[in-house]
Amino acid sequence: MTLRRLISVALGSIRRNAARSLLTMLGVVIGVASVVVMVAIGKGAEAEIGARIANLGTNLVIVTPGSQSKTGVSGGANSMDSLTLEDVDKLTRESLEAEKVSPVIQTYGMVVAGNNNWRTQVYGVDLSYFDIRRWTIASGRGLDDNDVRGHRKVAVIGKTNVDMLFGEEDPIGKTIRVRNIPIEVVGILQSKGPTPDGADQDDVMLLPYTTVHARFAGRSFIAQILLSARSEAGVPEALKEVRAILRESHGIQGKMEEDFTLRDQSALAATAKGTTEVMTTLLLVVASVSLVVGGIGIMNIMLVSVTERTREIGIRRALGARRRDVLMQFLVEAIVLSSLGGLIGAGLGMAVTALVGSLTGWATVVTAQSVLLALSFAVGVGVFFGWYPARRAAALDPIEALRFQ
């Protein structure tokens, strides 16, 4: 028989036993739906974590002061006052791999607005900081050249600061006090949410670094230098170049200990990606168990079907059907059952994914690859678990089959 004829016969058999066929397909339907939903949740989590890492800046290079040692005792990272504004100027002039450079002077301070107060991180930054960290302005304005050059007492604040200090009130143009110094709020940062390690990125206040340096920090060194490489792929080369420039600037030669530390986001990105990939794989394996269970159900029902249709098989063989024809008939029937179950399961899985996303707010991503994978697995289940019943049907002796009651 032709493939078209085999499929027609299989569909006819499925229609004649509709209730049994639906119960047979149920395991495959649930299995495929589970695969689609689980992979969508896993991919959604991967995309969410990737977006948060991108908010940090995937091409970000961070320079911090090194560790200071006295009488054999290390003061730990950032204990040495080794970074200066001259370093920033030198990196800006000489670095070919760094697209933007910004000093960061970090301090903490109690911020007061009316009757409300909140202890937050105060960063003194240059204009390029916004591009390096990919901060956008939700309302108001960012810092400008006049703010930096004029040591102006202006600030751009994060959403957490807005919520804690102003509530529903618009803070633009309002005055806050940081260590009793009046600061005008000129802008609000677009919310970024937490970092992958749970830190609140919105609990931040940005001022011109010249203002923080002169009025708050009271010191001639900076706590960080942030750079953005021209591309994510260019980060390793940027690290080498920055190290060479700073070693020259600080007079470090040979195997002398460096008085600064370089970091990037590659380790964090790789860890997060590996974690989400493991989670997605685990979810996929768990969901695939349902498909295996569904396949076992198909095999059992097909074995029952072979027994029930023994006389039909005998008649077909008596009329000239070959063993191969009988084998293909039952095998195609199993594949059609699993394929129909797979299509129904894929549709159900996409519907459930949309429902889960709307009810929980989780990010979910249904990809064509995951749907095709689930459907291919369903067809594979039909072939694998349909083979034995089909072979058993083909192996029946025609005479004994005709005598079967």
Protein backbone atom coordinates (compact mmCIF):
# COMPACT_ATOMS: atom_id res chain seq x y z
CA MET A 1 0.00 0.00 0.00
CA THR A 2 1.07 3.57 -0.59
CA LEU A 3 1.83 5.86 2.33
CA ARG A 4 -1.28 7.90 1.58
CA ARG A 5 -3.41 4.75 1.71
CA LEU A 6 -1.74 3.64 4.96
CA ILE A 7 -2.47 7.00 6.59
CA SER A 8 -6.08 6.83 5.38
CA VAL A 9 -6.51 3.35 6.86
CA ALA A 10 -4.92 4.50 10.15
CA LEU A 11 -7.25 7.51 10.40
CA GLY A 12 -10.23 5.26 9.70
CA SER A 13 -9.22 2.94 12.51
CA ILE A 14 -8.75 5.87 14.87
CA ARG A 15 -12.23 7.22 14.03
CA ARG A 16 -13.85 3.82 14.62
CA ASN A 17 -12.32 3.69 18.07
CA ALA A 18 -12.41 7.41 18.92
CA ALA A 19 -12.67 7.09 22.69
CA ARG A 20 -9.84 4.58 22.92
CA SER A 21 -7.72 6.61 20.53
CA LEU A 22 -8.17 9.76 22.62
CA LEU A 23 -7.17 7.92 25.79
CA THR A 24 -4.17 6.50 23.93
CA MET A 25 -3.08 9.96 22.79
CA LEU A 26 -3.60 11.52 26.23
CA GLY A 27 -0.15 10.58 27.48
CA VAL A 28 1.50 12.05 24.39
CA VAL A 29 -0.65 15.19 24.63
CA ILE A 30 0.39 15.75 28.24
CA GLY A 31 4.02 14.93 27.47
CA VAL A 32 4.34 17.32 24.53
CA ALA A 33 2.46 20.07 26.39
CA SER A 34 4.81 19.60 29.35
CA VAL A 35 7.89 19.85 27.14
CA VAL A 36 6.64 23.05 25.48
CA VAL A 37 5.69 24.67 28.82
CA MET A 38 8.86 23.66 30.67
CA VAL A 39 11.19 24.77 27.89
CA ALA A 40 9.27 28.06 27.56
CA ILE A 41 9.70 28.74 31.28
CA GLY A 42 13.38 27.82 31.13
CA LYS A 43 14.03 29.97 28.07
CA GLY A 44 12.08 32.82 29.65
CA ALA A 45 14.24 32.64 32.77
CA GLU A 46 17.35 32.59 30.58
CA ALA A 47 16.17 35.66 28.68
CA GLU A 48 15.29 37.47 31.92
CA ILE A 49 18.69 36.81 33.48
CA GLY A 50 20.39 37.75 30.21
CA ALA A 51 18.52 41.06 30.17
CA ARG A 52 19.57 41.82 33.73
CA ILE A 53 23.19 41.06 32.94
CA ALA A 54 22.92 43.26 29.84
CA ASN A 55 21.67 46.07 32.12
CA LEU A 56 24.93 45.77 34.03
CA GLY A 57 26.85 46.10 30.77
CA THR A 58 28.22 43.01 29.06
CA ASN A 59 31.14 45.05 27.70
CA LEU A 60 31.88 46.62 31.07
CA VAL A 61 35.42 46.79 32.47
CA ILE A 62 35.81 47.77 36.14
CA VAL A 63 39.02 49.11 37.63
CA THR A 64 39.25 49.22 41.43
CA PRO A 65 42.09 50.03 43.82
CA GLY A 66 44.25 47.13 44.89
CA SER A 67 45.10 45.66 48.25
CA GLN A 68 47.35 47.53 50.63
CA SER A 69 49.82 45.51 52.68
CA LYS A 70 51.52 46.75 55.85
CA THR A 71 53.90 44.67 57.93
CA GLY A 72 52.73 41.53 56.14
CA VAL A 73 49.03 42.20 56.74
CA SER A 74 46.79 42.70 53.69
CA GLY A 75 44.11 45.34 53.96
CA GLY A 76 42.02 43.63 51.28
CA ALA A 77 40.68 44.94 48.00
CA ASN A 78 39.99 48.71 47.73
CA SER A 79 42.19 49.45 50.75
CA MET A 80 44.79 51.31 48.65
CA ASP A 81 44.28 54.86 47.40
CA SER A 82 45.81 54.10 44.02
CA LEU A 83 43.40 55.46 41.39
CA THR A 84 43.39 59.12 40.42
CA LEU A 85 41.70 61.41 37.97
CA GLU A 86 44.99 61.45 36.08
CA ASP A 87 44.48 57.74 35.45
CA VAL A 88 41.05 58.52 34.01
CA ASP A 89 42.50 61.18 31.72
CA LYS A 90 45.29 58.87 30.57
CA LEU A 91 42.87 56.02 29.80
CA THR A 92 40.59 58.41 27.93
CA ARG A 93 43.47 59.69 25.80
CA GLU A 94 45.41 56.49 25.14
CA SER A 95 42.96 53.59 25.18
CA LEU A 96 41.89 52.44 21.72
CA GLU A 97 39.68 49.59 22.93
CA ALA A 98 37.72 51.59 25.52
CA GLU A 99 34.86 53.54 23.98
CA LYS A 100 33.90 55.48 27.12
CA VAL A 101 35.56 56.08 30.49
CA SER A 102 34.09 57.42 33.73
CA PRO A 103 35.45 57.87 37.24
CA VAL A 104 33.22 56.74 40.09
CA ILE A 105 33.51 58.21 43.55
CA GLN A 106 31.31 56.16 45.85
CA THR A 107 30.08 57.20 49.25
CA TYR A 108 27.07 56.59 51.46
CA GLY A 109 24.93 59.27 52.96
CA MET A 110 21.67 59.92 54.77
CA VAL A 111 19.34 61.66 52.36
CA VAL A 112 16.53 63.80 53.74
CA ALA A 113 13.48 65.03 51.84
CA GLY A 114 10.88 66.79 53.99
CA ASN A 115 9.96 64.40 56.80
CA ASN A 116 11.40 61.36 55.02
CA ASN A 117 14.96 60.07 55.12
CA TRP A 118 16.80 57.21 53.45
CA ARG A 119 20.41 56.00 53.55
CA THR A 120 21.57 55.35 50.00
CA GLN A 121 24.60 55.01 47.76
CA VAL A 122 25.85 58.29 46.36
CA TYR A 123 27.94 58.03 43.20
CA GLY A 124 29.98 60.82 41.70
CA VAL A 125 30.15 60.13 37.97
CA ASP A 126 30.96 61.65 34.61
CA LEU A 127 28.47 61.94 31.73
CA SER A 128 29.73 58.77 30.05
CA TYR A 129 28.67 56.73 33.10
CA PHE A 130 25.08 56.68 31.84
CA ASP A 131 26.14 55.08 28.56
CA ILE A 132 28.57 52.66 30.19
CA ARG A 133 25.98 51.35 32.65
CA ARG A 134 23.15 51.72 30.11
CA TRP A 135 21.09 53.95 32.34
CA THR A 136 18.22 55.81 30.71
CA ILE A 137 16.27 58.74 32.09
CA ALA A 138 12.63 58.06 32.94
CA SER A 139 11.77 61.70 33.56
CA GLY A 140 13.57 65.00 33.92
CA ARG A 141 17.11 65.13 32.56
CA GLY A 142 20.51 63.59 33.07
CA LEU A 143 23.72 65.34 34.00
CA ASP A 144 25.39 67.67 31.51
CA ASP A 145 28.81 69.29 30.96
CA ASN A 146 27.84 72.42 32.90
CA ASP A 147 26.92 70.30 35.92
CA VAL A 148 30.32 68.59 35.91
CA ARG A 149 32.42 71.66 35.17
CA GLY A 150 30.48 73.88 37.55
CA HIS A 151 30.47 71.42 40.47
CA ARG A 152 26.71 71.87 40.55
CA LYS A 153 24.67 70.39 43.37
CA VAL A 154 22.27 68.38 41.23
CA ALA A 155 21.33 64.72 41.28
CA VAL A 156 19.66 62.01 39.22
CA ILE A 157 18.05 59.43 41.51
CA GLY A 158 16.84 55.85 41.19
CA LYS A 159 13.29 54.58 41.63
CA THR A 160 13.93 53.23 45.14
CA ASN A 161 15.02 56.70 46.24
CA VAL A 162 11.89 58.17 44.70
CA ASP A 163 9.65 55.68 46.50
CA MET A 164 11.33 56.08 49.89
CA LEU A 165 11.73 59.85 49.85
CA PHE A 166 8.80 61.14 47.81
CA GLY A 167 6.23 58.36 47.44
CA GLU A 168 3.74 59.41 44.78
CA GLU A 169 5.04 62.99 44.66
CA ASP A 170 7.03 64.15 41.62
CA PRO A 171 10.61 64.80 42.85
CA ILE A 172 11.81 66.76 39.80
CA GLY A 173 12.92 70.21 40.90
CA LYS A 174 12.65 69.35 44.61
CA THR A 175 15.52 69.82 47.02
CA ILE A 176 16.96 67.03 49.12
CA ARG A 177 19.72 67.21 51.70
CA VAL A 178 22.73 64.91 51.72
CA ARG A 179 24.90 65.45 54.79
CA ASN A 180 23.12 68.77 55.22
CA ILE A 181 24.11 69.89 51.72
CA PRO A 182 21.11 70.91 49.57
CA ILE A 183 20.90 69.01 46.27
CA GLU A 184 18.36 69.60 43.50
CA VAL A 185 16.77 66.52 41.89
CA VAL A 186 16.91 67.01 38.11
CA GLY A 187 16.12 63.51 36.84
CA ILE A 188 14.82 60.03 37.63
CA LEU A 189 16.51 56.88 36.33
CA GLN A 190 14.55 54.20 34.48
CA SER A 191 14.08 51.24 36.82
CA LYS A 192 16.43 48.30 36.29
CA GLY A 193 15.36 46.00 39.12
CA PRO A 194 17.73 43.71 41.03
CA THR A 195 21.01 42.33 39.76
CA PRO A 196 21.39 38.53 39.33
CA ASP A 197 22.81 38.39 42.89
CA GLY A 198 19.84 40.30 44.31
CA ALA A 199 21.33 43.80 44.76
CA ASP A 200 18.93 46.69 44.18
CA GLN A 201 20.20 48.69 41.21
CA ASP A 202 17.53 51.36 41.73
CA ASP A 203 18.82 52.32 45.19
CA VAL A 204 21.28 54.85 43.80
CA MET A 205 21.88 58.59 43.51
CA LEU A 206 24.12 60.02 40.78
CA LEU A 207 25.86 63.38 41.13
CA PRO A 208 28.66 65.02 39.11
CA TYR A 209 31.92 63.46 40.26
CA THR A 210 33.39 66.92 40.72
CA THR A 211 30.65 67.76 43.22
CA VAL A 212 31.07 64.56 45.21
CA HIS A 213 34.85 64.88 45.13
CA ALA A 214 34.81 68.42 46.43
CA ARG A 215 31.87 68.40 48.85
CA PHE A 216 31.35 64.83 50.10
CA ALA A 217 34.38 62.60 49.68
CA GLY A 218 37.01 65.14 50.61
CA ARG A 219 39.78 63.09 49.06
CA SER A 220 41.94 63.16 45.92
CA PHE A 221 41.46 59.56 44.74
CA ILE A 222 38.58 57.73 43.18
CA ALA A 223 37.01 54.39 44.13
CA GLN A 224 36.41 53.01 40.62
CA ILE A 225 37.03 53.61 36.97
CA LEU A 226 34.39 52.21 34.63
CA LEU A 227 35.08 51.61 30.96
CA SER A 228 33.01 50.22 28.14
CA ALA A 229 34.78 48.20 25.47
CA ARG A 230 33.75 48.85 21.88
CA SER A 231 32.11 45.42 21.77
CA GLU A 232 31.54 42.44 24.04
CA ALA A 233 34.08 40.46 22.01
CA GLY A 234 36.63 43.23 22.56
CA VAL A 235 36.55 43.00 26.37
CA PRO A 236 39.64 40.70 26.69
CA GLU A 237 41.71 43.04 24.52
CA ALA A 238 40.43 46.06 26.47
CA LEU A 239 41.50 44.42 29.73
CA LYS A 240 45.03 43.90 28.39
CA GLU A 241 45.25 47.46 27.14
CA VAL A 242 43.92 49.02 30.36
CA ARG A 243 46.34 46.93 32.43
CA ALA A 244 49.28 48.07 30.30
CA ILE A 245 48.29 51.76 30.52
CA LEU A 246 47.80 51.68 34.29
CA ARG A 247 51.03 49.76 34.91
CA GLU A 248 52.88 52.44 32.96
CA SER A 249 51.02 55.23 34.76
CA HIS A 250 51.79 53.75 38.19
CA GLY A 251 55.38 52.83 37.38
CA ILE A 252 54.81 49.09 37.83
CA GLN A 253 57.43 46.96 36.12
CA GLY A 254 58.14 43.28 35.74
CA LYS A 255 56.69 41.13 38.50
CA MET A 256 55.90 44.02 40.82
CA GLU A 257 52.52 43.67 42.52
CA GLU A 258 49.81 45.71 40.82
CA ASP A 259 48.03 48.33 42.93
CA PHE A 260 44.75 47.97 41.04
CA THR A 261 42.29 45.22 40.12
CA LEU A 262 40.51 44.62 36.80
CA ARG A 263 37.16 42.85 36.45
CA ASP A 264 34.55 42.31 33.78
CA GLN A 265 31.09 40.67 33.60
CA SER A 266 32.11 37.60 31.58
CA ALA A 267 32.32 35.28 34.60
CA LEU A 268 28.91 36.41 35.85
CA ALA A 269 27.37 36.03 32.39
CA ALA A 270 28.88 32.57 31.90
CA THR A 271 27.68 31.42 35.34
CA ALA A 272 24.17 32.70 34.78
CA LYS A 273 23.99 31.17 31.32
CA GLY A 274 25.26 27.82 32.59
CA THR A 275 22.74 27.83 35.44
CA THR A 276 19.77 28.54 33.19
CA GLU A 277 20.90 25.95 30.64
CA VAL A 278 21.11 23.30 33.37
CA MET A 279 17.67 24.31 34.64
CA THR A 280 16.16 24.18 31.15
CA THR A 281 17.72 20.77 30.49
CA LEU A 282 16.44 19.45 33.81
CA LEU A 283 12.92 20.69 33.07
CA LEU A 284 13.10 19.14 29.60
CA VAL A 285 14.17 15.76 31.00
CA VAL A 286 11.39 15.81 33.61
CA ALA A 287 8.80 16.70 30.97
CA SER A 288 10.13 14.01 28.62
CA VAL A 289 9.23 11.35 31.18
CA SER A 290 5.58 12.10 30.38
CA LEU A 291 6.25 11.36 26.73
CA VAL A 292 7.83 8.02 27.59
CA VAL A 293 4.82 7.15 29.73
CA GLY A 294 2.58 8.15 26.83
CA GLY A 295 4.60 5.91 24.52
CA ILE A 296 4.13 2.96 26.84
CA GLY A 297 0.39 3.65 26.75
CA ILE A 298 0.46 3.60 22.93
CA MET A 299 2.31 0.27 22.94
CA ASN A 300 -0.17 -1.32 25.34
CA ILE A 301 -3.21 -0.11 23.43
CA MET A 302 -1.69 -1.23 20.12
CA LEU A 303 -1.04 -4.68 21.56
CA VAL A 304 -4.69 -4.86 22.59
CA SER A 305 -5.65 -3.66 19.12
CA VAL A 306 -3.58 -6.43 17.50
CA THR A 307 -5.42 -9.01 19.58
CA GLU A 308 -8.83 -7.54 18.76
CA ARG A 309 -8.08 -7.34 15.04
CA THR A 310 -6.49 -10.76 14.63
CA ARG A 311 -9.21 -11.95 12.21
CA GLU A 312 -8.86 -8.70 10.22
CA ILE A 313 -5.12 -9.35 9.93
CA GLY A 314 -5.83 -12.94 8.80
CA ILE A 315 -8.25 -11.74 6.11
CA ARG A 316 -5.72 -9.18 4.85
CA ARG A 317 -3.01 -11.81 4.68
CA ALA A 318 -5.38 -14.26 2.91
CA LEU A 319 -6.15 -11.57 0.31
CA GLY A 320 -2.47 -11.18 -0.50
CA ALA A 321 -1.18 -8.65 2.01
CA ARG A 322 2.47 -9.20 2.82
CA ARG A 323 3.94 -9.16 6.31
CA ARG A 324 5.57 -5.85 5.47
CA ASP A 325 2.13 -4.37 4.61
CA VAL A 326 0.70 -5.43 7.97
CA LEU A 327 3.79 -4.15 9.76
CA MET A 328 3.52 -0.77 8.04
CA GLN A 329 -0.24 -0.57 8.69
CA PHE A 330 0.12 -0.85 12.47
CA LEU A 331 3.33 1.15 12.61
CA VAL A 332 1.76 4.05 10.65
CA GLU A 333 -1.29 3.88 12.91
CA ALA A 334 0.94 4.27 15.98
CA ILE A 335 2.80 7.16 14.36
CA VAL A 336 -0.45 8.90 13.37
CA LEU A 337 -1.74 8.52 16.94
CA SER A 338 1.42 10.01 18.45
CA SER A 339 1.60 12.77 15.81
CA LEU A 340 -2.00 13.83 16.42
CA GLY A 341 -1.32 13.76 20.15
CA GLY A 342 1.81 15.83 19.56
CA LEU A 343 -0.05 18.50 17.59
CA ILE A 344 -2.79 18.74 20.21
CA GLY A 345 -0.15 18.81 22.96
CA ALA A 346 1.81 21.58 21.23
CA GLY A 347 -1.29 23.74 20.96
CA LEU A 348 -2.20 23.01 24.58
CA GLY A 349 1.35 23.75 25.70
CA MET A 350 1.38 27.17 24.01
CA ALA A 351 -1.99 28.01 25.55
CA VAL A 352 -0.83 26.95 29.03
CA THR A 353 2.41 28.90 28.59
CA ALA A 354 0.47 32.07 27.77
CA LEU A 355 -1.79 31.47 30.77
CA VAL A 356 1.16 30.91 33.13
CA GLY A 357 2.82 34.08 31.87
CA SER A 358 -0.31 36.20 32.35
CA LEU A 359 -1.14 34.81 35.81
CA THR A 360 2.36 34.81 37.32
CA GLY A 361 4.10 37.55 35.38
CA TRP A 362 6.97 35.18 34.60
CA ALA A 363 8.86 35.65 31.37
CA THR A 364 8.08 32.75 29.01
CA VAL A 365 9.52 32.18 25.55
CA VAL A 366 7.98 29.61 23.19
CA THR A 367 10.47 28.88 20.41
CA ALA A 368 9.90 27.05 17.15
CA GLN A 369 12.82 24.79 18.05
CA SER A 370 11.16 23.63 21.28
CA VAL A 371 7.86 22.90 19.51
CA LEU A 372 9.62 20.99 16.71
CA LEU A 373 11.68 19.11 19.29
CA ALA A 374 8.54 18.05 21.16
CA LEU A 375 6.77 16.99 17.94
CA SER A 376 9.82 15.06 16.74
CA PHE A 377 10.03 13.32 20.09
CA ALA A 378 6.34 12.44 19.84
CA VAL A 379 6.82 10.90 16.39
CA GLY A 380 9.87 9.06 17.70
CA VAL A 381 7.77 7.69 20.56
CA GLY A 382 5.22 6.42 18.02
CA VAL A 383 7.91 4.66 16.01
CA PHE A 384 9.70 3.18 19.02
CA PHE A 385 6.68 1.96 20.95
CA GLY A 386 4.65 1.06 17.86
CA TRP A 387 7.32 -1.18 16.39
CA TYR A 388 6.81 -4.15 18.69
CA PRO A 389 3.00 -4.36 18.31
CA ALA A 390 3.39 -3.89 14.54
CA ARG A 391 5.95 -6.72 14.34
CA ARG A 392 3.71 -8.93 16.44
CA ALA A 393 0.80 -8.26 14.09
CA ALA A 394 2.94 -8.97 11.02
CA ALA A 395 4.21 -12.22 12.54
CA LEU A 396 0.74 -13.74 12.97
CA ASP A 397 0.13 -16.93 10.99
CA PRO A 398 -2.70 -16.21 8.45
CA ILE A 399 -4.47 -19.52 9.04
CA GLU A 400 -4.36 -19.23 12.82
CA ALA A 401 -5.51 -15.63 12.55
CA LEU A 402 -8.55 -16.62 10.46
CA ARG A 403 -9.49 -19.22 13.08
CA PHE A 404 -9.21 -16.67 15.91
CA GLN A 405 -12.55 -16.05 17.66
